[in-house]
């Protein structure tokens, strides 16, 4: 098993960066759960998130004239998800607020904030309505947290949705713009590694950076 992990590490380490000019056609930037409840306030906060704030902000400004979705984790007090995770990001709490630097870029043109009540933003009715009206987008760049939970489930669902329709789209995940947390046996570096491998194995274009 350890040899397998080493080989996966070598494969992921060999991934190259791309430039924005390499992304052709109409594009959209998806920013997942960059909220205070996963950064600096509450039981699921992680300081690891600080590493992706600046890269996401820089990229968002380069996407100024492109569609941008900001997913916000937002739960009712009796959310069924709380049977799987600690109570977090309750509606109208500080935890569901965007991180200050991300709040700034959410004011850019063509930005849309979508609240979600599960780990998978794809299932939000508001997102489905948005997607239906934006099927001409060629490339989706997915950023945010957590790599192995909300980012992974959204990326794979989006990808398989297009596969089911037999529609070719490009889905990109920059490794320097997604992050997860450390807690107990949940080692952030390992979870990132395995998730990058899974995404890549399922046709998602994982890149070092953009």
N, C-alpha and C. Protein backbone atom coordinates (compact mmCIF):
# COMPACT_ATOMS: atom_id res chain seq x y z
N UNK A 1 0.82 -1.21 0.00
CA UNK A 1 0.00 0.00 0.00
C UNK A 1 0.86 1.26 0.00
N UNK A 2 1.92 1.25 0.80
CA UNK A 2 2.78 2.43 0.89
C UNK A 2 3.47 2.71 -0.44
N UNK A 3 3.82 1.63 -1.17
CA UNK A 3 4.44 1.82 -2.48
C UNK A 3 3.44 2.46 -3.46
N UNK A 4 2.19 2.06 -3.33
CA UNK A 4 1.15 2.65 -4.18
C UNK A 4 1.01 4.14 -3.91
N UNK A 5 1.00 4.50 -2.63
CA UNK A 5 0.90 5.92 -2.27
C UNK A 5 2.09 6.70 -2.81
N UNK A 6 3.27 6.09 -2.75
CA UNK A 6 4.46 6.76 -3.29
C UNK A 6 4.33 6.98 -4.79
N UNK A 7 3.78 5.99 -5.50
CA UNK A 7 3.61 6.14 -6.95
C UNK A 7 2.57 7.22 -7.27
N UNK A 8 1.51 7.25 -6.46
CA UNK A 8 0.50 8.30 -6.65
C UNK A 8 1.11 9.67 -6.40
N UNK A 9 1.95 9.75 -5.37
CA UNK A 9 2.61 11.02 -5.06
C UNK A 9 3.49 11.46 -6.23
N UNK A 10 4.21 10.54 -6.82
CA UNK A 10 5.05 10.86 -7.97
C UNK A 10 4.20 11.36 -9.14
N UNK A 11 3.07 10.70 -9.36
CA UNK A 11 2.18 11.10 -10.46
C UNK A 11 1.63 12.51 -10.24
N UNK A 12 1.20 12.79 -9.02
CA UNK A 12 0.63 14.10 -8.72
C UNK A 12 1.72 15.18 -8.77
N UNK A 13 2.91 14.85 -8.30
CA UNK A 13 4.02 15.81 -8.32
C UNK A 13 4.42 16.20 -9.75
N UNK A 14 4.11 15.35 -10.71
CA UNK A 14 4.50 15.61 -12.10
C UNK A 14 3.51 16.52 -12.83
N UNK A 15 2.40 16.84 -12.17
CA UNK A 15 1.37 17.67 -12.80
C UNK A 15 1.92 19.08 -13.04
N UNK A 16 1.63 19.64 -14.20
CA UNK A 16 2.15 20.95 -14.59
C UNK A 16 1.12 22.06 -14.39
N UNK A 17 1.59 23.27 -14.35
CA UNK A 17 0.70 24.42 -14.31
C UNK A 17 0.25 24.76 -15.72
N UNK A 18 -0.82 25.54 -15.83
CA UNK A 18 -1.26 26.03 -17.13
C UNK A 18 -1.42 27.55 -17.04
N UNK A 19 -1.54 28.18 -18.18
CA UNK A 19 -1.78 29.63 -18.20
C UNK A 19 -3.24 29.88 -18.55
N UNK A 20 -3.72 31.05 -18.22
CA UNK A 20 -5.10 31.41 -18.51
C UNK A 20 -5.36 31.40 -20.02
N UNK A 21 -4.33 31.73 -20.79
CA UNK A 21 -4.47 31.75 -22.25
C UNK A 21 -4.75 30.37 -22.83
N UNK A 22 -4.40 29.33 -22.07
CA UNK A 22 -4.63 27.97 -22.55
C UNK A 22 -6.09 27.54 -22.40
N UNK A 23 -6.85 28.31 -21.64
CA UNK A 23 -8.27 28.00 -21.46
C UNK A 23 -9.06 28.70 -22.56
N UNK A 24 -9.57 27.93 -23.48
CA UNK A 24 -10.26 28.49 -24.65
C UNK A 24 -11.78 28.50 -24.43
N UNK A 25 -12.43 29.40 -25.14
CA UNK A 25 -13.89 29.45 -25.10
C UNK A 25 -14.41 30.15 -23.86
N UNK A 26 -15.70 29.98 -23.62
CA UNK A 26 -16.36 30.62 -22.48
C UNK A 26 -16.06 29.86 -21.20
N UNK A 27 -15.75 30.59 -20.14
CA UNK A 27 -15.34 29.92 -18.91
C UNK A 27 -16.08 30.48 -17.69
N UNK A 28 -16.08 29.68 -16.62
CA UNK A 28 -16.69 30.09 -15.36
C UNK A 28 -15.80 29.67 -14.21
N UNK A 29 -15.80 30.47 -13.15
CA UNK A 29 -15.03 30.17 -11.95
C UNK A 29 -15.99 29.79 -10.84
N UNK A 30 -15.77 28.63 -10.24
CA UNK A 30 -16.59 28.16 -9.13
C UNK A 30 -15.76 28.22 -7.86
N UNK A 31 -16.24 28.96 -6.87
CA UNK A 31 -15.54 29.11 -5.59
C UNK A 31 -16.40 28.46 -4.51
N UNK A 32 -15.89 27.39 -3.93
CA UNK A 32 -16.69 26.56 -3.02
C UNK A 32 -16.36 26.85 -1.55
N UNK A 33 -17.36 27.28 -0.82
CA UNK A 33 -17.32 27.33 0.65
C UNK A 33 -16.15 28.09 1.26
N UNK A 34 -15.78 29.19 0.64
CA UNK A 34 -14.72 30.01 1.24
C UNK A 34 -15.35 30.93 2.29
N UNK A 35 -15.83 30.29 3.34
CA UNK A 35 -16.55 30.99 4.41
C UNK A 35 -15.77 30.93 5.72
N UNK A 36 -16.13 31.81 6.63
CA UNK A 36 -15.41 31.90 7.90
C UNK A 36 -15.52 30.61 8.73
N UNK A 37 -16.62 29.89 8.57
CA UNK A 37 -16.81 28.65 9.32
C UNK A 37 -15.86 27.54 8.96
N UNK A 38 -15.20 27.65 7.81
CA UNK A 38 -14.19 26.67 7.43
C UNK A 38 -12.78 27.25 7.49
N UNK A 39 -12.69 28.46 7.99
CA UNK A 39 -11.40 29.15 8.02
C UNK A 39 -10.96 29.53 9.43
N UNK A 40 -11.73 30.38 10.10
CA UNK A 40 -11.25 30.90 11.38
C UNK A 40 -12.28 30.96 12.50
N UNK A 41 -13.50 30.45 12.25
CA UNK A 41 -14.53 30.48 13.29
C UNK A 41 -15.30 29.16 13.27
N UNK A 42 -15.48 28.55 14.45
CA UNK A 42 -16.33 27.38 14.53
C UNK A 42 -15.58 26.06 14.56
N UNK A 43 -16.30 24.94 14.75
CA UNK A 43 -15.69 23.62 14.94
C UNK A 43 -15.01 23.05 13.71
N UNK A 44 -15.34 23.55 12.53
CA UNK A 44 -14.74 23.02 11.30
C UNK A 44 -13.73 23.97 10.67
N UNK A 45 -13.34 24.99 11.42
CA UNK A 45 -12.37 25.97 10.91
C UNK A 45 -10.99 25.34 10.77
N UNK A 46 -10.27 25.72 9.74
CA UNK A 46 -8.91 25.21 9.52
C UNK A 46 -8.01 26.31 8.98
N UNK A 47 -6.88 26.49 9.63
CA UNK A 47 -5.93 27.52 9.19
C UNK A 47 -5.31 27.19 7.84
N UNK A 48 -5.42 25.93 7.41
CA UNK A 48 -4.88 25.54 6.10
C UNK A 48 -5.53 26.34 4.97
N UNK A 49 -6.75 26.79 5.20
CA UNK A 49 -7.50 27.52 4.17
C UNK A 49 -6.80 28.82 3.79
N UNK A 50 -5.99 29.36 4.70
CA UNK A 50 -5.32 30.64 4.43
C UNK A 50 -4.45 30.57 3.18
N UNK A 51 -3.95 29.38 2.85
CA UNK A 51 -3.04 29.22 1.71
C UNK A 51 -3.71 29.46 0.36
N UNK A 52 -5.03 29.31 0.31
CA UNK A 52 -5.70 29.40 -1.00
C UNK A 52 -6.42 30.73 -1.22
N UNK A 53 -6.49 31.55 -0.18
CA UNK A 53 -7.24 32.82 -0.30
C UNK A 53 -6.66 33.72 -1.38
N UNK A 54 -5.35 33.95 -1.33
CA UNK A 54 -4.73 34.87 -2.30
C UNK A 54 -4.77 34.33 -3.73
N UNK A 55 -4.40 33.05 -3.96
CA UNK A 55 -4.48 32.54 -5.33
C UNK A 55 -5.89 32.62 -5.93
N UNK A 56 -6.90 32.34 -5.11
CA UNK A 56 -8.28 32.42 -5.60
C UNK A 56 -8.64 33.86 -5.93
N UNK A 57 -8.25 34.78 -5.06
CA UNK A 57 -8.55 36.20 -5.28
C UNK A 57 -7.91 36.71 -6.57
N UNK A 58 -6.66 36.33 -6.79
CA UNK A 58 -5.95 36.76 -8.00
C UNK A 58 -6.65 36.21 -9.24
N UNK A 59 -7.02 34.92 -9.21
CA UNK A 59 -7.67 34.32 -10.37
C UNK A 59 -9.04 34.94 -10.62
N UNK A 60 -9.78 35.21 -9.55
CA UNK A 60 -11.12 35.80 -9.70
C UNK A 60 -11.05 37.14 -10.42
N UNK A 61 -10.05 37.92 -10.11
CA UNK A 61 -9.89 39.21 -10.79
C UNK A 61 -9.58 39.04 -12.27
N UNK A 62 -8.91 37.95 -12.61
CA UNK A 62 -8.64 37.65 -14.02
C UNK A 62 -9.90 37.13 -14.73
N UNK A 63 -10.87 36.68 -13.93
CA UNK A 63 -12.16 36.21 -14.46
C UNK A 63 -13.21 37.32 -14.36
N UNK A 64 -12.77 38.56 -14.31
CA UNK A 64 -13.69 39.67 -14.05
C UNK A 64 -14.88 39.69 -15.01
N UNK A 65 -14.65 39.35 -16.25
CA UNK A 65 -15.72 39.40 -17.25
C UNK A 65 -16.36 38.04 -17.51
N UNK A 66 -16.06 37.07 -16.64
CA UNK A 66 -16.60 35.72 -16.78
C UNK A 66 -17.54 35.41 -15.61
N UNK A 67 -18.37 34.41 -15.80
CA UNK A 67 -19.29 33.99 -14.75
C UNK A 67 -18.52 33.46 -13.54
N UNK A 68 -19.02 33.83 -12.35
CA UNK A 68 -18.40 33.39 -11.11
C UNK A 68 -19.49 32.96 -10.13
N UNK A 69 -19.34 31.75 -9.59
CA UNK A 69 -20.28 31.23 -8.60
C UNK A 69 -19.57 31.12 -7.26
N UNK A 70 -20.19 31.66 -6.23
CA UNK A 70 -19.67 31.56 -4.87
C UNK A 70 -20.64 30.70 -4.06
N UNK A 71 -20.26 29.45 -3.81
CA UNK A 71 -21.10 28.59 -2.97
C UNK A 71 -20.86 28.93 -1.50
N UNK A 72 -21.95 29.00 -0.75
CA UNK A 72 -21.88 29.26 0.69
C UNK A 72 -22.60 28.14 1.43
N UNK A 73 -21.90 27.46 2.33
CA UNK A 73 -22.53 26.46 3.17
C UNK A 73 -23.46 27.17 4.14
N UNK A 74 -24.73 26.80 4.14
CA UNK A 74 -25.72 27.52 4.95
C UNK A 74 -26.81 26.55 5.37
N UNK A 75 -26.88 26.26 6.66
CA UNK A 75 -27.78 25.22 7.17
C UNK A 75 -28.82 25.76 8.14
N UNK A 76 -29.97 25.09 8.15
CA UNK A 76 -30.94 25.33 9.22
C UNK A 76 -30.44 24.61 10.47
N UNK A 77 -30.99 24.97 11.61
CA UNK A 77 -30.53 24.39 12.87
C UNK A 77 -30.82 22.89 12.96
N UNK A 78 -31.80 22.42 12.20
CA UNK A 78 -32.15 21.00 12.21
C UNK A 78 -31.68 20.28 10.94
N UNK A 79 -30.65 20.80 10.32
CA UNK A 79 -30.12 20.21 9.08
C UNK A 79 -29.75 18.74 9.28
N UNK A 80 -30.21 17.89 8.37
CA UNK A 80 -29.90 16.46 8.43
C UNK A 80 -28.39 16.22 8.34
N UNK A 81 -27.68 17.11 7.68
CA UNK A 81 -26.23 16.96 7.53
C UNK A 81 -25.52 16.93 8.88
N UNK A 82 -26.14 17.51 9.91
CA UNK A 82 -25.52 17.56 11.23
C UNK A 82 -25.46 16.18 11.89
N UNK A 83 -26.05 15.17 11.26
CA UNK A 83 -25.89 13.80 11.75
C UNK A 83 -24.56 13.23 11.29
N UNK A 84 -23.97 13.89 10.30
CA UNK A 84 -22.68 13.44 9.77
C UNK A 84 -21.53 14.34 10.17
N UNK A 85 -21.82 15.62 10.40
CA UNK A 85 -20.79 16.61 10.73
C UNK A 85 -21.25 17.44 11.92
N UNK A 86 -20.30 18.03 12.66
CA UNK A 86 -20.67 18.94 13.76
C UNK A 86 -21.51 20.10 13.23
N UNK A 87 -22.29 20.70 14.11
CA UNK A 87 -23.10 21.86 13.72
C UNK A 87 -22.18 22.97 13.24
N UNK A 88 -22.47 23.48 12.05
CA UNK A 88 -21.60 24.49 11.44
C UNK A 88 -22.40 25.33 10.45
N UNK A 89 -21.92 26.53 10.18
CA UNK A 89 -22.46 27.40 9.12
C UNK A 89 -23.99 27.48 9.15
N UNK A 90 -24.52 27.74 10.34
CA UNK A 90 -25.97 27.91 10.49
C UNK A 90 -26.39 29.23 9.86
N UNK A 91 -27.56 29.24 9.25
CA UNK A 91 -28.08 30.45 8.59
C UNK A 91 -28.02 31.66 9.51
N UNK A 92 -27.58 32.77 8.95
CA UNK A 92 -27.49 34.06 9.63
C UNK A 92 -26.43 34.09 10.74
N UNK A 93 -25.53 33.10 10.74
CA UNK A 93 -24.41 33.11 11.69
C UNK A 93 -23.17 33.67 11.01
N UNK A 94 -22.17 34.03 11.81
CA UNK A 94 -20.92 34.54 11.25
C UNK A 94 -20.23 33.47 10.41
N UNK A 95 -20.40 32.22 10.79
CA UNK A 95 -19.72 31.12 10.09
C UNK A 95 -20.08 31.04 8.61
N UNK A 96 -21.29 31.42 8.24
CA UNK A 96 -21.68 31.31 6.83
C UNK A 96 -21.26 32.52 6.00
N UNK A 97 -20.62 33.49 6.63
CA UNK A 97 -20.16 34.67 5.90
C UNK A 97 -18.91 34.35 5.08
N UNK A 98 -18.80 34.95 3.92
CA UNK A 98 -17.59 34.80 3.12
C UNK A 98 -16.39 35.38 3.87
N UNK A 99 -15.24 34.75 3.70
CA UNK A 99 -13.99 35.30 4.23
C UNK A 99 -13.81 36.70 3.65
N UNK A 100 -13.30 37.62 4.43
CA UNK A 100 -13.26 39.04 4.04
C UNK A 100 -12.69 39.26 2.65
N UNK A 101 -11.54 38.64 2.36
CA UNK A 101 -10.90 38.84 1.06
C UNK A 101 -11.76 38.28 -0.08
N UNK A 102 -12.48 37.21 0.20
CA UNK A 102 -13.34 36.60 -0.82
C UNK A 102 -14.61 37.43 -1.00
N UNK A 103 -15.06 38.03 0.09
CA UNK A 103 -16.24 38.90 0.00
C UNK A 103 -15.98 40.06 -0.97
N UNK A 104 -14.75 40.54 -0.98
CA UNK A 104 -14.38 41.64 -1.88
C UNK A 104 -14.56 41.22 -3.33
N UNK A 105 -14.07 40.04 -3.69
CA UNK A 105 -14.16 39.62 -5.09
C UNK A 105 -15.57 39.18 -5.47
N UNK A 106 -16.41 38.89 -4.48
CA UNK A 106 -17.80 38.53 -4.78
C UNK A 106 -18.59 39.72 -5.29
N UNK A 107 -18.00 40.92 -5.19
CA UNK A 107 -18.65 42.14 -5.69
C UNK A 107 -18.32 42.38 -7.17
N UNK A 108 -17.43 41.57 -7.73
CA UNK A 108 -17.09 41.72 -9.14
C UNK A 108 -18.31 41.43 -10.01
N UNK A 109 -18.31 41.97 -11.22
CA UNK A 109 -19.42 41.72 -12.14
C UNK A 109 -19.54 40.23 -12.44
N UNK A 110 -20.74 39.81 -12.79
CA UNK A 110 -21.04 38.42 -13.14
C UNK A 110 -20.76 37.45 -11.99
N UNK A 111 -20.91 37.93 -10.76
CA UNK A 111 -20.74 37.07 -9.59
C UNK A 111 -22.11 36.70 -9.03
N UNK A 112 -22.25 35.45 -8.64
CA UNK A 112 -23.52 34.97 -8.08
C UNK A 112 -23.23 34.15 -6.83
N UNK A 113 -23.88 34.49 -5.72
CA UNK A 113 -23.74 33.75 -4.47
C UNK A 113 -24.88 32.75 -4.38
N UNK A 114 -24.54 31.49 -4.13
CA UNK A 114 -25.54 30.43 -4.01
C UNK A 114 -25.34 29.71 -2.68
N UNK A 115 -26.38 29.69 -1.86
CA UNK A 115 -26.31 28.97 -0.59
C UNK A 115 -26.69 27.51 -0.82
N UNK A 116 -26.04 26.63 -0.05
CA UNK A 116 -26.31 25.19 -0.20
C UNK A 116 -26.48 24.53 1.17
N UNK A 117 -27.30 23.50 1.22
CA UNK A 117 -27.60 22.81 2.47
C UNK A 117 -27.01 21.41 2.52
N UNK A 118 -26.08 21.12 1.61
CA UNK A 118 -25.41 19.82 1.61
C UNK A 118 -23.96 20.03 1.18
N UNK A 119 -23.18 18.96 1.23
CA UNK A 119 -21.78 19.10 0.82
C UNK A 119 -21.64 19.30 -0.68
N UNK A 120 -22.72 19.05 -1.44
CA UNK A 120 -22.65 19.10 -2.89
C UNK A 120 -23.50 20.22 -3.46
N UNK A 121 -22.84 21.31 -3.84
CA UNK A 121 -23.56 22.47 -4.36
C UNK A 121 -24.32 22.20 -5.64
N UNK A 122 -23.97 21.14 -6.35
CA UNK A 122 -24.66 20.83 -7.60
C UNK A 122 -26.15 20.64 -7.37
N UNK A 123 -26.51 20.13 -6.19
CA UNK A 123 -27.91 19.81 -5.91
C UNK A 123 -28.74 21.03 -5.53
N UNK A 124 -28.10 22.16 -5.38
CA UNK A 124 -28.85 23.39 -5.10
C UNK A 124 -29.73 23.73 -6.30
N UNK A 125 -31.00 23.96 -6.06
CA UNK A 125 -31.92 24.31 -7.15
C UNK A 125 -31.45 25.57 -7.87
N UNK A 126 -30.92 26.51 -7.09
CA UNK A 126 -30.45 27.76 -7.69
C UNK A 126 -29.29 27.51 -8.65
N UNK A 127 -28.40 26.57 -8.28
CA UNK A 127 -27.29 26.26 -9.19
C UNK A 127 -27.81 25.57 -10.45
N UNK A 128 -28.73 24.64 -10.28
CA UNK A 128 -29.26 23.93 -11.45
C UNK A 128 -29.92 24.90 -12.42
N UNK A 129 -30.63 25.87 -11.88
CA UNK A 129 -31.26 26.88 -12.74
C UNK A 129 -30.20 27.71 -13.47
N UNK A 130 -29.14 28.07 -12.73
CA UNK A 130 -28.04 28.83 -13.34
C UNK A 130 -27.38 28.02 -14.45
N UNK A 131 -27.11 26.75 -14.17
CA UNK A 131 -26.44 25.89 -15.15
C UNK A 131 -27.28 25.73 -16.41
N UNK A 132 -28.58 25.58 -16.23
CA UNK A 132 -29.48 25.43 -17.37
C UNK A 132 -29.40 26.63 -18.30
N UNK A 133 -29.16 27.80 -17.71
CA UNK A 133 -29.07 29.02 -18.51
C UNK A 133 -27.65 29.34 -18.99
N UNK A 134 -26.70 28.48 -18.61
CA UNK A 134 -25.30 28.72 -18.98
C UNK A 134 -24.63 27.48 -19.56
N UNK A 135 -25.39 26.71 -20.31
CA UNK A 135 -24.85 25.48 -20.88
C UNK A 135 -23.85 25.75 -22.00
N UNK A 136 -23.69 27.01 -22.38
CA UNK A 136 -22.71 27.34 -23.41
C UNK A 136 -21.31 27.53 -22.84
N UNK A 137 -21.17 27.43 -21.52
CA UNK A 137 -19.84 27.54 -20.90
C UNK A 137 -19.02 26.30 -21.27
N UNK A 138 -17.81 26.53 -21.72
CA UNK A 138 -16.93 25.44 -22.16
C UNK A 138 -16.08 24.87 -21.03
N UNK A 139 -15.65 25.75 -20.11
CA UNK A 139 -14.70 25.34 -19.06
C UNK A 139 -15.15 25.84 -17.70
N UNK A 140 -15.12 24.94 -16.73
CA UNK A 140 -15.43 25.27 -15.35
C UNK A 140 -14.16 25.08 -14.52
N UNK A 141 -13.72 26.14 -13.85
CA UNK A 141 -12.55 26.05 -12.96
C UNK A 141 -13.08 26.02 -11.53
N UNK A 142 -12.76 24.95 -10.80
CA UNK A 142 -13.31 24.75 -9.46
C UNK A 142 -12.24 24.97 -8.41
N UNK A 143 -12.55 25.83 -7.44
CA UNK A 143 -11.61 26.17 -6.36
C UNK A 143 -12.35 26.11 -5.02
N UNK A 144 -11.58 26.19 -3.92
CA UNK A 144 -12.21 26.31 -2.61
C UNK A 144 -11.94 25.14 -1.68
N UNK A 145 -12.88 24.90 -0.77
CA UNK A 145 -12.74 23.88 0.27
C UNK A 145 -14.05 23.11 0.43
N UNK A 146 -13.94 21.92 1.01
CA UNK A 146 -12.74 21.14 1.29
C UNK A 146 -12.47 20.23 0.09
N UNK A 147 -11.23 20.05 -0.23
CA UNK A 147 -10.82 19.30 -1.41
C UNK A 147 -11.55 17.97 -1.54
N UNK A 148 -11.55 17.20 -0.45
CA UNK A 148 -12.06 15.83 -0.47
C UNK A 148 -13.53 15.71 -0.11
N UNK A 149 -14.20 16.84 0.10
CA UNK A 149 -15.62 16.78 0.46
C UNK A 149 -16.42 17.59 -0.55
N UNK A 150 -16.57 18.88 -0.30
CA UNK A 150 -17.44 19.70 -1.16
C UNK A 150 -16.89 19.91 -2.56
N UNK A 151 -15.58 20.08 -2.68
CA UNK A 151 -14.98 20.26 -4.00
C UNK A 151 -15.08 18.97 -4.81
N UNK A 152 -14.70 17.86 -4.20
CA UNK A 152 -14.71 16.59 -4.92
C UNK A 152 -16.12 16.19 -5.36
N UNK A 153 -17.09 16.26 -4.45
CA UNK A 153 -18.44 15.83 -4.82
C UNK A 153 -19.02 16.72 -5.92
N UNK A 154 -18.77 18.02 -5.83
CA UNK A 154 -19.28 18.91 -6.86
C UNK A 154 -18.62 18.65 -8.21
N UNK A 155 -17.30 18.52 -8.20
CA UNK A 155 -16.56 18.32 -9.45
C UNK A 155 -16.99 17.04 -10.16
N UNK A 156 -17.10 15.96 -9.40
CA UNK A 156 -17.47 14.68 -10.00
C UNK A 156 -18.92 14.68 -10.47
N UNK A 157 -19.80 15.31 -9.70
CA UNK A 157 -21.21 15.36 -10.12
C UNK A 157 -21.37 16.20 -11.37
N UNK A 158 -20.68 17.34 -11.42
CA UNK A 158 -20.73 18.18 -12.62
C UNK A 158 -20.21 17.42 -13.83
N UNK A 159 -19.10 16.74 -13.65
CA UNK A 159 -18.50 15.98 -14.75
C UNK A 159 -19.41 14.86 -15.23
N UNK A 160 -19.94 14.08 -14.30
CA UNK A 160 -20.79 12.95 -14.69
C UNK A 160 -22.13 13.41 -15.25
N UNK A 161 -22.58 14.58 -14.84
CA UNK A 161 -23.80 15.16 -15.41
C UNK A 161 -23.60 15.40 -16.91
N UNK A 162 -22.48 15.99 -17.25
CA UNK A 162 -22.19 16.24 -18.67
C UNK A 162 -21.95 14.93 -19.42
N UNK A 163 -21.33 13.95 -18.75
CA UNK A 163 -21.13 12.66 -19.40
C UNK A 163 -22.47 12.01 -19.74
N UNK A 164 -23.40 12.10 -18.80
CA UNK A 164 -24.73 11.50 -19.03
C UNK A 164 -25.42 12.14 -20.23
N UNK A 165 -25.21 13.43 -20.40
CA UNK A 165 -25.80 14.15 -21.54
C UNK A 165 -24.97 14.00 -22.81
N UNK A 166 -23.80 13.34 -22.67
CA UNK A 166 -22.86 13.19 -23.78
C UNK A 166 -22.41 14.55 -24.32
N UNK A 167 -22.19 15.46 -23.38
CA UNK A 167 -21.74 16.81 -23.71
C UNK A 167 -20.30 16.97 -23.23
N UNK A 168 -19.43 17.45 -24.09
CA UNK A 168 -18.01 17.60 -23.73
C UNK A 168 -17.76 18.98 -23.11
N UNK A 169 -17.28 18.97 -21.87
CA UNK A 169 -16.91 20.19 -21.16
C UNK A 169 -15.55 19.97 -20.51
N UNK A 170 -14.85 21.06 -20.23
CA UNK A 170 -13.58 20.99 -19.53
C UNK A 170 -13.79 21.39 -18.07
N UNK A 171 -13.36 20.54 -17.17
CA UNK A 171 -13.46 20.84 -15.74
C UNK A 171 -12.05 20.81 -15.17
N UNK A 172 -11.64 21.93 -14.60
CA UNK A 172 -10.27 22.10 -14.13
C UNK A 172 -10.25 22.35 -12.62
N UNK A 173 -9.35 21.68 -11.92
CA UNK A 173 -9.13 21.92 -10.50
C UNK A 173 -7.66 22.28 -10.28
N UNK A 174 -7.36 23.53 -9.95
CA UNK A 174 -5.97 23.92 -9.65
C UNK A 174 -5.60 23.49 -8.23
N UNK A 175 -4.50 22.76 -8.09
CA UNK A 175 -4.14 22.22 -6.79
C UNK A 175 -3.79 23.29 -5.76
N UNK A 176 -3.34 24.45 -6.23
CA UNK A 176 -2.97 25.51 -5.29
C UNK A 176 -4.16 26.37 -4.87
N UNK A 177 -5.36 25.98 -5.31
CA UNK A 177 -6.56 26.77 -4.98
C UNK A 177 -7.64 25.93 -4.31
N UNK A 178 -7.28 24.74 -3.84
CA UNK A 178 -8.20 23.93 -3.05
C UNK A 178 -7.45 23.45 -1.81
N UNK A 179 -8.20 23.25 -0.74
CA UNK A 179 -7.54 22.84 0.51
C UNK A 179 -8.55 22.10 1.39
N UNK A 180 -8.02 21.33 2.34
CA UNK A 180 -8.85 20.61 3.30
C UNK A 180 -8.29 20.84 4.71
N UNK A 181 -8.59 19.96 5.65
CA UNK A 181 -8.25 20.21 7.05
C UNK A 181 -7.51 19.01 7.66
N UNK A 182 -6.89 19.24 8.79
CA UNK A 182 -6.27 18.18 9.60
C UNK A 182 -7.11 17.94 10.84
N UNK A 183 -7.48 16.68 11.08
CA UNK A 183 -8.18 16.35 12.33
C UNK A 183 -8.15 14.84 12.52
N UNK A 184 -7.52 14.39 13.60
CA UNK A 184 -7.44 12.96 13.86
C UNK A 184 -6.79 12.21 12.71
N UNK A 185 -7.48 11.18 12.23
CA UNK A 185 -6.96 10.39 11.11
C UNK A 185 -7.15 11.07 9.76
N UNK A 186 -7.82 12.21 9.77
CA UNK A 186 -8.01 12.96 8.52
C UNK A 186 -6.79 13.86 8.32
N UNK A 187 -5.79 13.31 7.65
CA UNK A 187 -4.57 14.05 7.36
C UNK A 187 -4.77 14.85 6.08
N UNK A 188 -4.67 16.16 6.19
CA UNK A 188 -4.98 17.02 5.06
C UNK A 188 -4.15 16.73 3.83
N UNK A 189 -2.85 16.54 4.00
CA UNK A 189 -1.97 16.27 2.85
C UNK A 189 -2.36 14.97 2.15
N UNK A 190 -2.65 13.94 2.95
CA UNK A 190 -3.04 12.65 2.37
C UNK A 190 -4.38 12.76 1.65
N UNK A 191 -5.34 13.43 2.27
CA UNK A 191 -6.66 13.58 1.65
C UNK A 191 -6.57 14.36 0.34
N UNK A 192 -5.75 15.40 0.32
CA UNK A 192 -5.53 16.15 -0.93
C UNK A 192 -4.96 15.23 -2.00
N UNK A 193 -3.94 14.48 -1.63
CA UNK A 193 -3.26 13.59 -2.58
C UNK A 193 -4.23 12.59 -3.20
N UNK A 194 -4.99 11.90 -2.35
CA UNK A 194 -5.92 10.89 -2.84
C UNK A 194 -7.01 11.51 -3.70
N UNK A 195 -7.48 12.68 -3.28
CA UNK A 195 -8.54 13.34 -4.05
C UNK A 195 -8.05 13.79 -5.42
N UNK A 196 -6.86 14.36 -5.48
CA UNK A 196 -6.31 14.76 -6.78
C UNK A 196 -6.21 13.55 -7.71
N UNK A 197 -5.78 12.42 -7.15
CA UNK A 197 -5.67 11.19 -7.94
C UNK A 197 -7.04 10.74 -8.44
N UNK A 198 -8.04 10.77 -7.55
CA UNK A 198 -9.39 10.35 -7.93
C UNK A 198 -9.99 11.26 -9.00
N UNK A 199 -9.82 12.56 -8.82
CA UNK A 199 -10.35 13.50 -9.80
C UNK A 199 -9.69 13.28 -11.16
N UNK A 200 -8.37 13.17 -11.15
CA UNK A 200 -7.61 12.96 -12.38
C UNK A 200 -8.03 11.65 -13.06
N UNK A 201 -8.25 10.61 -12.26
CA UNK A 201 -8.63 9.31 -12.80
C UNK A 201 -10.02 9.33 -13.41
N UNK A 202 -10.82 10.32 -13.02
CA UNK A 202 -12.19 10.41 -13.52
C UNK A 202 -12.38 11.52 -14.56
N UNK A 203 -11.27 11.96 -15.15
CA UNK A 203 -11.36 12.87 -16.28
C UNK A 203 -11.34 14.34 -15.95
N UNK A 204 -11.21 14.68 -14.66
CA UNK A 204 -11.06 16.08 -14.28
C UNK A 204 -9.62 16.50 -14.58
N UNK A 205 -9.43 17.68 -15.12
CA UNK A 205 -8.07 18.16 -15.40
C UNK A 205 -7.52 18.82 -14.14
N UNK A 206 -6.65 18.12 -13.46
CA UNK A 206 -6.00 18.65 -12.26
C UNK A 206 -4.71 19.33 -12.70
N UNK A 207 -4.53 20.59 -12.31
CA UNK A 207 -3.34 21.34 -12.71
C UNK A 207 -2.64 21.89 -11.46
N UNK A 208 -1.36 22.16 -11.60
CA UNK A 208 -0.60 22.68 -10.47
C UNK A 208 -1.08 24.07 -10.08
N UNK A 209 -1.32 24.90 -11.07
CA UNK A 209 -1.80 26.27 -10.85
C UNK A 209 -2.25 26.85 -12.18
N UNK A 210 -2.86 28.02 -12.12
CA UNK A 210 -3.23 28.75 -13.34
C UNK A 210 -2.61 30.14 -13.25
